[in-house]
């Protein structure tokens, strides 16, 4: 019985929260090999989308999705895209599953003492805000019920 309860709790955590990736984890993905990030995501239940991925010269991008929405099973709960040069991740985009996850990420950005740039852009009905730290540039993109965070190295 004890093993069943442990398995049940782990399953709930894995399937209920695997799409939520903390900011610290996102930051550790930068400068890591693509294979390590791909393995980390697929173990957590993310699906690799080869049709939305590609390479050009030494640049690679790879797209992943997580789960499906109850309201529209054709839509994913969350999306993740990595960009790499020479198979080392230098930028990523994480489309969060909702406003609650986005609020958590914003609080995490504030907690690491980022500097929010006063300049915001509005394009295609989306608002972009920029946050800087000594090692990273962050961009939040909000619009149409979509919440995306971009993380990029400054080095």
C-alpha atoms as a PDB file:
ATOM      1  CA  UNK A   1       0.000   0.000   0.000  1.00  0.00           C
ATOM      2  CA  UNK A   2       2.823   2.384   0.890  1.00  0.00           C
ATOM      3  CA  UNK A   3       4.436   1.825  -2.546  1.00  0.00           C
ATOM      4  CA  UNK A   4       1.134   2.464  -4.293  1.00  0.00           C
ATOM      5  CA  UNK A   5       0.667   5.785  -2.470  1.00  0.00           C
ATOM      6  CA  UNK A   6       4.252   6.798  -3.281  1.00  0.00           C
ATOM      7  CA  UNK A   7       3.692   5.925  -6.951  1.00  0.00           C
ATOM      8  CA  UNK A   8       0.389   7.816  -6.996  1.00  0.00           C
ATOM      9  CA  UNK A   9       1.919  10.959  -5.497  1.00  0.00           C
ATOM     10  CA  UNK A  10       4.866  10.816  -7.911  1.00  0.00           C
ATOM     11  CA  UNK A  11       2.484  10.363 -10.848  1.00  0.00           C
ATOM     12  CA  UNK A  12       0.369  13.325  -9.780  1.00  0.00           C
ATOM     13  CA  UNK A  13       3.501  15.448  -9.454  1.00  0.00           C
ATOM     14  CA  UNK A  14       4.903  14.264 -12.785  1.00  0.00           C
ATOM     15  CA  UNK A  15       1.749  14.743 -14.828  1.00  0.00           C
ATOM     16  CA  UNK A  16       0.332  17.719 -12.954  1.00  0.00           C
ATOM     17  CA  UNK A  17       3.416  19.848 -12.644  1.00  0.00           C
ATOM     18  CA  UNK A  18       5.969  18.577 -15.162  1.00  0.00           C
ATOM     19  CA  UNK A  19       5.160  21.387 -17.584  1.00  0.00           C
ATOM     20  CA  UNK A  20       5.995  24.037 -14.950  1.00  0.00           C
ATOM     21  CA  UNK A  21       9.722  24.664 -15.186  1.00  0.00           C
ATOM     22  CA  UNK A  22      11.273  26.951 -12.553  1.00  0.00           C
ATOM     23  CA  UNK A  23      13.406  29.896 -13.695  1.00  0.00           C
ATOM     24  CA  UNK A  24      16.536  28.418 -12.083  1.00  0.00           C
ATOM     25  CA  UNK A  25      16.132  25.284 -14.195  1.00  0.00           C
ATOM     26  CA  UNK A  26      15.595  27.323 -17.358  1.00  0.00           C
ATOM     27  CA  UNK A  27      18.783  29.250 -16.637  1.00  0.00           C
ATOM     28  CA  UNK A  28      20.747  26.011 -16.189  1.00  0.00           C
ATOM     29  CA  UNK A  29      19.632  24.896 -19.671  1.00  0.00           C
ATOM     30  CA  UNK A  30      21.675  27.714 -21.234  1.00  0.00           C
ATOM     31  CA  UNK A  31      25.161  26.604 -22.364  1.00  0.00           C
ATOM     32  CA  UNK A  32      24.245  22.935 -21.990  1.00  0.00           C
ATOM     33  CA  UNK A  33      24.346  20.372 -24.821  1.00  0.00           C
ATOM     34  CA  UNK A  34      21.081  20.010 -26.737  1.00  0.00           C
ATOM     35  CA  UNK A  35      20.966  16.280 -25.980  1.00  0.00           C
ATOM     36  CA  UNK A  36      20.986  16.927 -22.217  1.00  0.00           C
ATOM     37  CA  UNK A  37      18.068  19.365 -22.467  1.00  0.00           C
ATOM     38  CA  UNK A  38      16.118  17.095 -24.806  1.00  0.00           C
ATOM     39  CA  UNK A  39      16.592  14.169 -22.411  1.00  0.00           C
ATOM     40  CA  UNK A  40      15.563  16.295 -19.417  1.00  0.00           C
ATOM     41  CA  UNK A  41      12.369  17.442 -21.140  1.00  0.00           C
ATOM     42  CA  UNK A  42      11.325  14.049 -22.531  1.00  0.00           C
ATOM     43  CA  UNK A  43      11.822  12.373 -19.135  1.00  0.00           C
ATOM     44  CA  UNK A  44       9.396  14.978 -17.719  1.00  0.00           C
ATOM     45  CA  UNK A  45       6.752  14.099 -20.339  1.00  0.00           C
ATOM     46  CA  UNK A  46       7.461  16.686 -23.051  1.00  0.00           C
ATOM     47  CA  UNK A  47       6.966  15.522 -26.653  1.00  0.00           C
ATOM     48  CA  UNK A  48       9.591  16.323 -29.289  1.00  0.00           C
ATOM     49  CA  UNK A  49       8.134  17.842 -32.483  1.00  0.00           C
ATOM     50  CA  UNK A  50      10.532  17.038 -35.324  1.00  0.00           C
ATOM     51  CA  UNK A  51       8.204  18.802 -37.778  1.00  0.00           C
ATOM     52  CA  UNK A  52       8.738  22.077 -35.868  1.00  0.00           C
ATOM     53  CA  UNK A  53      12.487  21.608 -35.500  1.00  0.00           C
ATOM     54  CA  UNK A  54      15.427  22.013 -37.830  1.00  0.00           C
ATOM     55  CA  UNK A  55      19.041  22.856 -38.502  1.00  0.00           C
ATOM     56  CA  UNK A  56      20.830  25.323 -40.724  1.00  0.00           C
ATOM     57  CA  UNK A  57      24.620  25.264 -40.841  1.00  0.00           C
ATOM     58  CA  UNK A  58      25.740  25.141 -37.182  1.00  0.00           C
ATOM     59  CA  UNK A  59      22.404  26.436 -35.823  1.00  0.00           C
ATOM     60  CA  UNK A  60      19.678  24.173 -34.486  1.00  0.00           C
ATOM     61  CA  UNK A  61      16.214  24.752 -33.085  1.00  0.00           C
ATOM     62  CA  UNK A  62      14.038  22.106 -31.478  1.00  0.00           C
ATOM     63  CA  UNK A  63      10.408  22.339 -30.357  1.00  0.00           C
ATOM     64  CA  UNK A  64       8.572  20.414 -27.628  1.00  0.00           C
ATOM     65  CA  UNK A  65       4.993  20.387 -26.340  1.00  0.00           C
ATOM     66  CA  UNK A  66       3.430  19.246 -23.106  1.00  0.00           C
ATOM     67  CA  UNK A  67      -0.021  17.706 -22.653  1.00  0.00           C
ATOM     68  CA  UNK A  68      -3.286  18.867 -24.188  1.00  0.00           C
ATOM     69  CA  UNK A  69      -5.930  21.344 -23.120  1.00  0.00           C
ATOM     70  CA  UNK A  70      -9.252  19.933 -21.942  1.00  0.00           C
ATOM     71  CA  UNK A  71     -11.117  22.668 -23.821  1.00  0.00           C
ATOM     72  CA  UNK A  72      -9.290  21.869 -27.073  1.00  0.00           C
ATOM     73  CA  UNK A  73      -7.402  18.555 -27.239  1.00  0.00           C
ATOM     74  CA  UNK A  74      -5.618  19.755 -30.405  1.00  0.00           C
ATOM     75  CA  UNK A  75      -3.779  22.420 -28.345  1.00  0.00           C
ATOM     76  CA  UNK A  76      -0.841  21.768 -26.028  1.00  0.00           C
ATOM     77  CA  UNK A  77      -0.778  23.019 -22.442  1.00  0.00           C
ATOM     78  CA  UNK A  78       2.748  24.378 -22.873  1.00  0.00           C
ATOM     79  CA  UNK A  79       5.439  24.765 -25.550  1.00  0.00           C
ATOM     80  CA  UNK A  80       9.215  24.847 -25.299  1.00  0.00           C
ATOM     81  CA  UNK A  81      11.748  25.733 -27.978  1.00  0.00           C
ATOM     82  CA  UNK A  82      15.521  25.647 -27.742  1.00  0.00           C
ATOM     83  CA  UNK A  83      17.991  27.394 -30.028  1.00  0.00           C
ATOM     84  CA  UNK A  84      21.594  26.233 -30.216  1.00  0.00           C
ATOM     85  CA  UNK A  85      24.854  26.962 -31.971  1.00  0.00           C
ATOM     86  CA  UNK A  86      27.176  23.983 -32.421  1.00  0.00           C
ATOM     87  CA  UNK A  87      24.711  21.846 -30.363  1.00  0.00           C
ATOM     88  CA  UNK A  88      25.005  24.085 -27.269  1.00  0.00           C
ATOM     89  CA  UNK A  89      21.818  25.862 -26.134  1.00  0.00           C
ATOM     90  CA  UNK A  90      22.148  29.662 -26.181  1.00  0.00           C
ATOM     91  CA  UNK A  91      18.480  30.708 -26.163  1.00  0.00           C
ATOM     92  CA  UNK A  92      15.122  29.200 -25.248  1.00  0.00           C
ATOM     93  CA  UNK A  93      11.447  30.093 -25.406  1.00  0.00           C
ATOM     94  CA  UNK A  94       9.040  28.673 -22.855  1.00  0.00           C
ATOM     95  CA  UNK A  95       5.329  29.223 -23.443  1.00  0.00           C
ATOM     96  CA  UNK A  96       3.898  28.786 -19.988  1.00  0.00           C
ATOM     97  CA  UNK A  97       0.657  26.887 -19.328  1.00  0.00           C
ATOM     98  CA  UNK A  98      -1.194  29.923 -17.933  1.00  0.00           C
ATOM     99  CA  UNK A  99      -1.308  33.128 -15.931  1.00  0.00           C
ATOM    100  CA  UNK A 100      -0.518  31.416 -12.628  1.00  0.00           C
ATOM    101  CA  UNK A 101       2.720  29.941 -14.003  1.00  0.00           C
ATOM    102  CA  UNK A 102       3.580  33.296 -15.573  1.00  0.00           C
ATOM    103  CA  UNK A 103       3.109  35.095 -12.240  1.00  0.00           C
ATOM    104  CA  UNK A 104       5.435  32.600 -10.558  1.00  0.00           C
ATOM    105  CA  UNK A 105       8.109  33.215 -13.223  1.00  0.00           C
ATOM    106  CA  UNK A 106       7.750  37.008 -12.798  1.00  0.00           C
ATOM    107  CA  UNK A 107       8.240  36.646  -9.044  1.00  0.00           C
ATOM    108  CA  UNK A 108      11.302  34.479  -9.666  1.00  0.00           C
ATOM    109  CA  UNK A 109      12.701  37.161 -12.033  1.00  0.00           C
ATOM    110  CA  UNK A 110      12.293  39.784  -9.305  1.00  0.00           C
ATOM    111  CA  UNK A 111      13.873  37.493  -6.701  1.00  0.00           C
ATOM    112  CA  UNK A 112      17.112  37.179  -8.686  1.00  0.00           C
ATOM    113  CA  UNK A 113      17.444  40.972  -8.808  1.00  0.00           C
ATOM    114  CA  UNK A 114      16.990  41.521 -12.503  1.00  0.00           C
ATOM    115  CA  UNK A 115      16.731  45.024 -13.869  1.00  0.00           C
ATOM    116  CA  UNK A 116      13.501  45.626 -15.753  1.00  0.00           C
ATOM    117  CA  UNK A 117      14.100  47.826 -18.763  1.00  0.00           C
ATOM    118  CA  UNK A 118      11.677  50.722 -19.139  1.00  0.00           C
ATOM    119  CA  UNK A 119      11.311  50.011 -22.843  1.00  0.00           C
ATOM    120  CA  UNK A 120       8.405  47.740 -23.715  1.00  0.00           C
ATOM    121  CA  UNK A 121       7.281  46.877 -27.208  1.00  0.00           C
ATOM    122  CA  UNK A 122       3.844  46.121 -28.573  1.00  0.00           C
ATOM    123  CA  UNK A 123       3.677  44.087 -31.748  1.00  0.00           C
ATOM    124  CA  UNK A 124       0.881  41.863 -33.093  1.00  0.00           C
ATOM    125  CA  UNK A 125      -1.184  42.580 -29.963  1.00  0.00           C
ATOM    126  CA  UNK A 126       1.581  41.239 -27.719  1.00  0.00           C
ATOM    127  CA  UNK A 127       3.495  43.175 -25.080  1.00  0.00           C
ATOM    128  CA  UNK A 128       7.187  42.392 -24.632  1.00  0.00           C
ATOM    129  CA  UNK A 129       9.094  43.365 -21.496  1.00  0.00           C
ATOM    130  CA  UNK A 130      12.823  42.947 -20.942  1.00  0.00           C
ATOM    131  CA  UNK A 131      14.759  42.021 -17.800  1.00  0.00           C
ATOM    132  CA  UNK A 132      18.544  41.958 -17.460  1.00  0.00           C
ATOM    133  CA  UNK A 133      20.903  40.212 -15.094  1.00  0.00           C
ATOM    134  CA  UNK A 134      24.692  40.053 -15.368  1.00  0.00           C
ATOM    135  CA  UNK A 135      24.568  36.708 -17.181  1.00  0.00           C
ATOM    136  CA  UNK A 136      21.135  36.575 -18.849  1.00  0.00           C
ATOM    137  CA  UNK A 137      18.611  38.559 -20.824  1.00  0.00           C
ATOM    138  CA  UNK A 138      14.956  37.681 -20.264  1.00  0.00           C
ATOM    139  CA  UNK A 139      11.996  38.700 -22.389  1.00  0.00           C
ATOM    140  CA  UNK A 140       8.370  38.183 -21.429  1.00  0.00           C
ATOM    141  CA  UNK A 141       5.834  38.117 -24.250  1.00  0.00           C
ATOM    142  CA  UNK A 142       2.168  38.386 -23.258  1.00  0.00           C
ATOM    143  CA  UNK A 143      -0.899  38.546 -25.474  1.00  0.00           C
ATOM    144  CA  UNK A 144      -3.979  36.646 -26.573  1.00  0.00           C
ATOM    145  CA  UNK A 145      -3.956  34.410 -23.499  1.00  0.00           C
ATOM    146  CA  UNK A 146      -0.366  33.346 -24.225  1.00  0.00           C
ATOM    147  CA  UNK A 147       2.522  33.834 -21.772  1.00  0.00           C
ATOM    148  CA  UNK A 148       6.038  33.249 -23.047  1.00  0.00           C
ATOM    149  CA  UNK A 149       9.452  33.663 -21.462  1.00  0.00           C
ATOM    150  CA  UNK A 150      12.653  33.915 -23.505  1.00  0.00           C
ATOM    151  CA  UNK A 151      15.977  33.263 -21.797  1.00  0.00           C
ATOM    152  CA  UNK A 152      19.269  34.109 -23.502  1.00  0.00           C
ATOM    153  CA  UNK A 153      22.863  34.241 -22.365  1.00  0.00           C
ATOM    154  CA  UNK A 154      24.670  37.583 -22.300  1.00  0.00           C
ATOM    155  CA  UNK A 155      28.020  35.951 -22.906  1.00  0.00           C
END
